[in-house]
Amino acid sequence: MTALLASVRSHEEAFDAAQAGAELIDLKEPNAGALGGLSIGDITNIARHLRARYPVKPISATIGDVPAEALDEIAARVIEVSEAGVDYVKVGVAPGPAARRCLEHLANLPATVVPVLLCDGGMDGELVAYAATLGFVGVMFDTEGKDGNTLFDHVDSESLGQWLRLIREQGAMSGIAGSLGWAQLAQIRALAPDFAGFRTALCVDGRRSRLDPQRVADLAGALHSASGDRGLAGATSGSGVSSDAVRL
C-alpha cells in the first residue's frame, strides 16, 4: 500500500499533516524552489516538536536546490540537515555529466540520503539503474519545474513502473512526486510506489499557500484505498510504513 508523504514548511503544518494521516513528513520551503530547503534552525525546531508528539513518525528534509557538480556544498548541507534531527535527507539529482559522480558521493556520506531523480524532459534509465545499485534506503522520482506539468507529463507510466520495480528489487523503497493530485490517483495506484509525495494538492491555493489538513485526510484515505470505498483507518494498517518502524 502506498504511503502519503506530505511536504510541510512549519511545525503547524507538520502537526496538521501528521494528525490528518500523512505517514511521512517532509520539510521543505516551497518559496525557495522545487526542493527548497528550510534553515537548519527551522528543521531542528520542527523535528524536535514533531518528535515530542509523534516519536516514530518518519521525517525527511531537503537540502535545497544545489547543482549536482557542487559536491562540497552538497556534502556540507547533507551533514547539517542530517544532524538537525531528521531521518532522511533528500537531494535532487538531474541527469547530466555530473549525475553519476554526485550519486556516488551521496552514497558515501555519513547520512541516510534519499536521492530525488529530477525527471524534467525525461529520465536516463541507466542512471536509475546505477542509483539502484548504490545502497540507498530509497530513491524518489520528482520534477524540478512546478509549472503545472506532472511527473507523468515527463515520464511514461511503463518506464516509471519498470524503474520502481528495479529499485524495490535492490531492497530500497521507491517514491514518486511532481505536482501529483487527484487527477493522477489512478496512475499512482496502478504503479503502487512505496510512497507518493504531495504539496500543491494538499494546500488551499497552490503550493505556496497553507496546507489544509482536510485535504491531507481526503487524499490519504483515497490513496490508501484500493477500491475507493475504505477509509484511512482501515487502509493505513496495510501501508508500507508502519507506526513502529521508521523506514522510508
Protein backbone atom coordinates (compact mmCIF):
# COMPACT_ATOMS: atom_id res chain seq x y z
CA MET A 1 0.00 0.00 0.00
CA THR A 2 1.30 3.44 -0.89
CA ALA A 3 2.09 5.81 1.98
CA LEU A 4 1.46 9.55 1.75
CA LEU A 5 4.39 11.95 2.05
CA ALA A 6 3.27 15.48 2.88
CA SER A 7 5.66 18.36 2.28
CA VAL A 8 5.38 20.98 5.03
CA ARG A 9 7.13 24.26 5.83
CA SER A 10 6.33 24.78 9.55
CA HIS A 11 5.66 22.88 12.73
CA GLU A 12 1.97 23.84 12.49
CA GLU A 13 1.73 22.25 9.05
CA ALA A 14 3.75 19.25 10.26
CA PHE A 15 1.34 18.62 13.14
CA ASP A 16 -1.69 19.07 10.89
CA ALA A 17 -0.36 16.67 8.26
CA ALA A 18 0.64 14.02 10.81
CA GLN A 19 -2.71 14.19 12.58
CA ALA A 20 -4.60 14.03 9.27
CA GLY A 21 -2.95 10.77 8.25
CA ALA A 22 0.29 11.51 6.40
CA GLU A 23 2.78 8.76 7.22
CA LEU A 24 5.85 10.70 6.09
CA ILE A 25 6.51 14.34 6.95
CA ASP A 26 8.83 16.13 4.53
CA LEU A 27 10.32 19.51 5.44
CA LYS A 28 10.86 21.99 2.62
CA GLU A 29 10.32 25.63 1.67
CA PRO A 30 8.14 25.88 -1.47
CA ASN A 31 9.06 29.55 -1.94
CA ALA A 32 12.70 28.53 -2.47
CA GLY A 33 12.28 26.14 -5.39
CA ALA A 34 11.24 22.57 -6.12
CA LEU A 35 13.39 21.18 -3.32
CA GLY A 36 13.79 24.44 -1.43
CA GLY A 37 15.47 23.95 1.91
CA LEU A 38 14.41 25.35 5.25
CA SER A 39 17.02 26.83 7.57
CA ILE A 40 18.81 24.39 9.84
CA GLY A 41 17.21 26.14 12.82
CA ASP A 42 13.73 25.62 11.41
CA ILE A 43 14.41 21.97 10.58
CA THR A 44 15.72 21.35 14.09
CA ASN A 45 12.76 23.10 15.69
CA ILE A 46 10.12 21.31 13.61
CA ALA A 47 11.74 17.90 14.05
CA ARG A 48 12.03 18.37 17.82
CA HIS A 49 8.40 19.42 18.27
CA LEU A 50 7.09 16.72 15.94
CA ARG A 51 9.10 14.00 17.69
CA ALA A 52 7.59 15.03 21.02
CA ARG A 53 4.09 14.23 19.77
CA TYR A 54 4.81 11.60 17.10
CA PRO A 55 8.03 9.84 18.22
CA VAL A 56 8.08 7.24 15.42
CA LYS A 57 6.76 9.39 12.56
CA PRO A 58 9.42 9.40 9.80
CA ILE A 59 10.74 12.87 8.92
CA SER A 60 12.68 13.88 5.83
CA ALA A 61 14.09 17.23 4.78
CA THR A 62 15.54 18.66 1.59
CA ILE A 63 18.93 20.38 1.32
CA GLY A 64 17.75 22.96 -1.19
CA ASP A 65 18.30 23.22 -4.93
CA VAL A 66 22.04 22.65 -5.33
CA PRO A 67 23.71 21.78 -8.68
CA ALA A 68 24.93 18.17 -8.92
CA GLU A 69 28.50 19.28 -9.59
CA ALA A 70 28.70 21.28 -6.32
CA LEU A 71 29.83 18.23 -4.34
CA ASP A 72 31.39 20.06 -1.39
CA GLU A 73 28.32 22.24 -0.90
CA ILE A 74 26.03 19.22 -1.19
CA ALA A 75 28.06 17.25 1.34
CA ALA A 76 28.12 20.08 3.86
CA ARG A 77 24.40 20.67 3.55
CA VAL A 78 23.58 16.94 3.80
CA ILE A 79 25.51 16.62 7.05
CA GLU A 80 23.91 19.76 8.51
CA VAL A 81 20.40 18.59 7.67
CA SER A 82 21.06 15.06 8.91
CA GLU A 83 22.33 16.39 12.24
CA ALA A 84 19.22 18.57 12.61
CA GLY A 85 17.25 15.53 13.72
CA VAL A 86 15.57 14.12 10.60
CA ASP A 87 15.57 10.51 9.48
CA TYR A 88 16.19 11.08 5.78
CA VAL A 89 17.91 13.77 3.72
CA LYS A 90 16.51 14.36 0.22
CA VAL A 91 18.87 15.56 -2.53
CA GLY A 92 17.78 16.41 -6.05
CA VAL A 93 19.85 14.95 -8.89
CA ALA A 94 19.14 15.76 -12.54
CA PRO A 95 20.50 13.70 -15.46
CA GLY A 96 23.73 15.12 -16.83
CA PRO A 97 27.52 14.80 -16.79
CA ALA A 98 27.77 15.22 -13.01
CA ALA A 99 24.88 12.95 -12.03
CA ARG A 100 26.74 9.66 -11.53
CA ARG A 101 29.54 11.22 -9.54
CA CYS A 102 27.00 13.05 -7.40
CA LEU A 103 25.15 9.81 -6.65
CA GLU A 104 28.41 8.07 -5.72
CA HIS A 105 29.28 10.97 -3.44
CA LEU A 106 25.88 10.86 -1.75
CA ALA A 107 26.10 7.10 -1.20
CA ASN A 108 29.35 7.54 0.73
CA LEU A 109 28.24 10.32 3.07
CA PRO A 110 27.60 9.53 6.77
CA ALA A 111 23.89 10.26 6.46
CA THR A 112 20.75 8.49 5.29
CA VAL A 113 20.27 10.08 1.88
CA VAL A 114 17.34 9.63 -0.49
CA PRO A 115 18.30 10.83 -3.98
CA VAL A 116 15.48 12.55 -5.82
CA LEU A 117 15.86 11.93 -9.56
CA LEU A 118 14.52 15.00 -11.36
CA CYS A 119 12.68 13.90 -14.47
CA ASP A 120 12.02 17.18 -16.31
CA GLY A 121 12.30 16.38 -20.01
CA GLY A 122 12.72 12.67 -19.31
CA MET A 123 14.98 10.41 -17.29
CA ASP A 124 18.07 8.35 -18.13
CA GLY A 125 17.20 4.71 -17.43
CA GLU A 126 20.89 3.82 -16.99
CA LEU A 127 21.17 6.48 -14.31
CA VAL A 128 18.19 4.97 -12.49
CA ALA A 129 19.73 1.51 -12.70
CA TYR A 130 23.00 2.84 -11.33
CA ALA A 131 21.31 4.66 -8.46
CA ALA A 132 19.54 1.44 -7.53
CA THR A 133 22.88 -0.34 -7.02
CA LEU A 134 24.38 2.16 -4.59
CA GLY A 135 22.62 1.04 -1.41
CA PHE A 136 20.32 4.00 -0.79
CA VAL A 137 17.42 3.35 1.58
CA GLY A 138 15.09 4.86 -1.00
CA VAL A 139 15.04 6.51 -4.42
CA MET A 140 12.44 9.05 -5.48
CA PHE A 141 11.27 10.46 -8.83
CA ASP A 142 10.14 14.10 -8.96
CA THR A 143 10.12 17.18 -11.17
CA GLU A 144 12.12 20.36 -10.73
CA GLY A 145 9.73 22.64 -12.56
CA LYS A 146 6.46 23.36 -10.78
CA ASP A 147 4.68 24.74 -13.83
CA GLY A 148 1.52 22.66 -13.86
CA ASN A 149 3.07 19.67 -15.61
CA THR A 150 3.17 16.48 -13.57
CA LEU A 151 5.71 13.69 -13.35
CA PHE A 152 3.60 11.74 -15.83
CA ASP A 153 3.97 14.52 -18.40
CA HIS A 154 7.72 13.86 -18.40
CA VAL A 155 7.96 10.10 -17.88
CA ASP A 156 5.61 7.43 -19.24
CA SER A 157 3.99 5.07 -16.76
CA GLU A 158 5.55 1.96 -18.28
CA SER A 159 9.11 3.21 -17.84
CA LEU A 160 8.35 4.55 -14.39
CA GLY A 161 6.87 1.21 -13.38
CA GLN A 162 9.99 -0.62 -14.55
CA TRP A 163 12.22 1.72 -12.57
CA LEU A 164 10.13 1.39 -9.42
CA ARG A 165 10.35 -2.40 -9.65
CA LEU A 166 14.10 -2.24 -10.20
CA ILE A 167 14.58 -0.12 -7.10
CA ARG A 168 12.47 -2.46 -4.98
CA GLU A 169 14.38 -5.48 -6.29
CA GLN A 170 17.53 -3.86 -4.91
CA GLY A 171 15.95 -3.65 -1.47
CA ALA A 172 15.21 0.09 -1.49
CA MET A 173 11.94 1.92 -1.11
CA SER A 174 10.53 3.72 -4.15
CA GLY A 175 8.69 7.02 -4.28
CA ILE A 176 7.17 9.48 -6.71
CA ALA A 177 6.16 13.13 -6.61
CA GLY A 178 5.89 16.01 -9.06
CA SER A 179 2.70 18.10 -8.97
CA LEU A 180 0.62 15.00 -8.29
CA GLY A 181 -3.03 15.25 -7.32
CA TRP A 182 -6.45 13.69 -7.65
CA ALA A 183 -6.21 13.52 -11.45
CA GLN A 184 -3.21 11.18 -11.14
CA LEU A 185 -4.67 8.96 -8.43
CA ALA A 186 -5.44 6.03 -10.76
CA GLN A 187 -1.89 6.11 -12.16
CA ILE A 188 -0.40 6.23 -8.68
CA ARG A 189 -2.50 3.26 -7.59
CA ALA A 190 -1.51 1.28 -10.67
CA LEU A 191 2.19 1.88 -10.05
CA ALA A 192 1.87 1.29 -6.29
CA PRO A 193 5.08 3.06 -5.20
CA ASP A 194 6.02 2.72 -1.55
CA PHE A 195 5.25 6.40 -1.05
CA ALA A 196 3.84 9.31 -3.04
CA GLY A 197 4.67 12.92 -2.26
CA PHE A 198 2.29 15.87 -2.38
CA ARG A 199 2.29 19.59 -1.71
CA THR A 200 0.07 21.51 -4.12
CA ALA A 201 -2.84 19.07 -3.81
CA LEU A 202 -2.76 19.48 -0.02
CA CYS A 203 -2.87 23.28 0.00
CA VAL A 204 -5.71 25.79 -0.02
CA ASP A 205 -4.50 27.82 -3.00
CA GLY A 206 -1.36 26.50 -4.64
CA ARG A 207 1.86 25.01 -3.24
CA ARG A 208 2.93 28.27 -1.59
CA SER A 209 -0.29 28.61 0.41
CA ARG A 210 -1.26 27.00 3.73
CA LEU A 211 -1.57 23.23 3.96
CA ASP A 212 -5.17 22.11 4.57
CA PRO A 213 -5.45 19.11 6.95
CA GLN A 214 -8.81 18.08 5.46
CA ARG A 215 -7.18 17.77 2.03
CA VAL A 216 -4.47 15.62 3.59
CA ALA A 217 -7.07 13.35 5.19
CA ASP A 218 -9.11 13.08 1.99
CA LEU A 219 -6.15 12.28 -0.22
CA ALA A 220 -4.64 9.87 2.30
CA GLY A 221 -7.94 7.99 2.50
CA ALA A 222 -8.20 7.75 -1.28
CA LEU A 223 -4.55 6.85 -1.73
CA HIS A 224 -4.68 4.03 0.80
CA SER A 225 -7.88 2.56 -0.57
CA ALA A 226 -7.52 0.02 -3.36
CA SER A 227 -11.21 0.21 -4.26
CA GLY A 228 -12.01 3.73 -3.08
CA ASP A 229 -14.56 2.54 -0.51
CA ARG A 230 -12.34 2.17 2.54
CA GLY A 231 -11.40 4.97 4.91
CA LEU A 232 -7.97 5.92 6.16
CA ALA A 233 -8.15 3.98 9.41
CA GLY A 234 -8.72 0.67 7.66
CA ALA A 235 -6.22 1.31 4.92
CA THR A 236 -3.28 2.56 6.95
CA SER A 237 -2.67 -0.82 8.55
CA GLY A 238 -1.64 -2.17 5.16
CA SER A 239 0.73 0.68 4.32
CA GLY A 240 4.38 0.15 3.58
CA VAL A 241 5.23 2.44 6.51
CA SER A 242 4.24 1.10 9.90
CA SER A 243 3.86 3.05 13.12
CA ASP A 244 6.60 1.01 14.82
CA ALA A 245 9.30 1.29 12.16
CA VAL A 246 10.84 4.49 10.91
CA ARG A 247 11.57 3.43 7.36
CA LEU A 248 11.13 5.41 4.20
